[in-house]
């Protein structure tokens, strides 16, 4: 089990990549007091990234140990995992590179966290490795970045503040420049995220079969059903911005947590829908057009090849191999509004599977916000996901297993730790 004595507490794997670089930077503060190292397949690239982080942080990192490990070399992964208590895995797309690291960690009795936003990968890891992880006393937690942490832990936070039974939660995500002058233009998404999205959508048809094996049966048909909003609509409480359905992994992640709470804690599962908001109708129309082209092209091999070869062209400049500039990242704020609807405590049921007779009338609006969502907030959340396992495993489910963050951290103080490090969780109104 990962609590046994190791010479390192944490290893950041895939450290020379874009997410890895900013995880090292945030780790200087958040891993203080822990013994940590960085890992990857190239010593030269690891040394280079350390120099870049030293220049950005003003800190001397010359004593940071470099561990050589490659996803194509299982023995190197096992040796890496055996040296630490937890691996922070920044090496994606996880569809291609995630499983060997998870497998090595479980074999070594080492915890594992990552920032995957790929439902097929996350659900397959739960299906194939959950029982092995439990037996080994290992926690494997995916989706530990933006935007799944705000969505999943935001839903947990909303339920804790609700003082009743929550029937449904709708999330509305927005990203805005701090000021009009701060909208510097250029890429806002790194190529790795683009690549993951391409393969995720191309293989979305795998999910139904995966879920039938993972869960066996569907959840009961709870009433009233949460209906889809119109394709395009305005959201008054989210600054009256235009909203579209959000195609990311948030709903998949939240519903896995809700399934866990229903199966293991006999709690009525919360229904959830996710949306993304925009300030300009022209912007929305552009996104719809690009998304339609993207979805069509991912269906065919030649289309996927073109999307991968010309990311800037097919994303209208939003994606690049270099990713967003530091100025662009630091000048971006994010907010996720979560609208919860349900019943008061006076109307609670005896059994989670029972149905309410009266319609839900109690409402609660929660906001999760912060700065630099893609890489600053993501890396902070990822690091805190790791340190929470090291420090509060006694407040996590069972003795281990493969979990989404909501199920994993619901009873820990992770929300409080996030709020100490740039996030804000707040109740806006009832």
Foldseek 3Di string as FASTA:
>chain_A
DLVPDAPFAEEEEPLLAPLNLLLVLVCVPLVPPGGYAYEEADPVSVVVSQVVSCVVNVDDPVVHDYQHDYLVDLVSLLVVLLRHQEYEYEDDPCVPRVVSNVVSNLVNLHEYEYQHQFLVNQLVCQLPCFVSFLVSLYAYAYNLAPPQCCLQVVVLVCVVPQQAAFAAKEKEKEKDFLDPVLCPDFAAAALRVLLSVLVRLLVVVVVVVSCCSRPVDDDPDAPDDDDDDPQWAFDVVVVRFIKGFDPIRNQVQNVQLQVCCCVPVQAQRYHYTYIYTDHDPVVVVVVVVLVVLSSVLSNDPVSSVVCSVCVCVSVVRHYDNVHDDPSSLQRMKMKMKMKTWADHRVQDDPGSNDYGPDDTDRIWIKMKMFGRRPRNRGSQSSSLVSVCCVPPVVQAPNSYGRGYVNNGPSRPCSVVVSCVPTMDIDTDGD
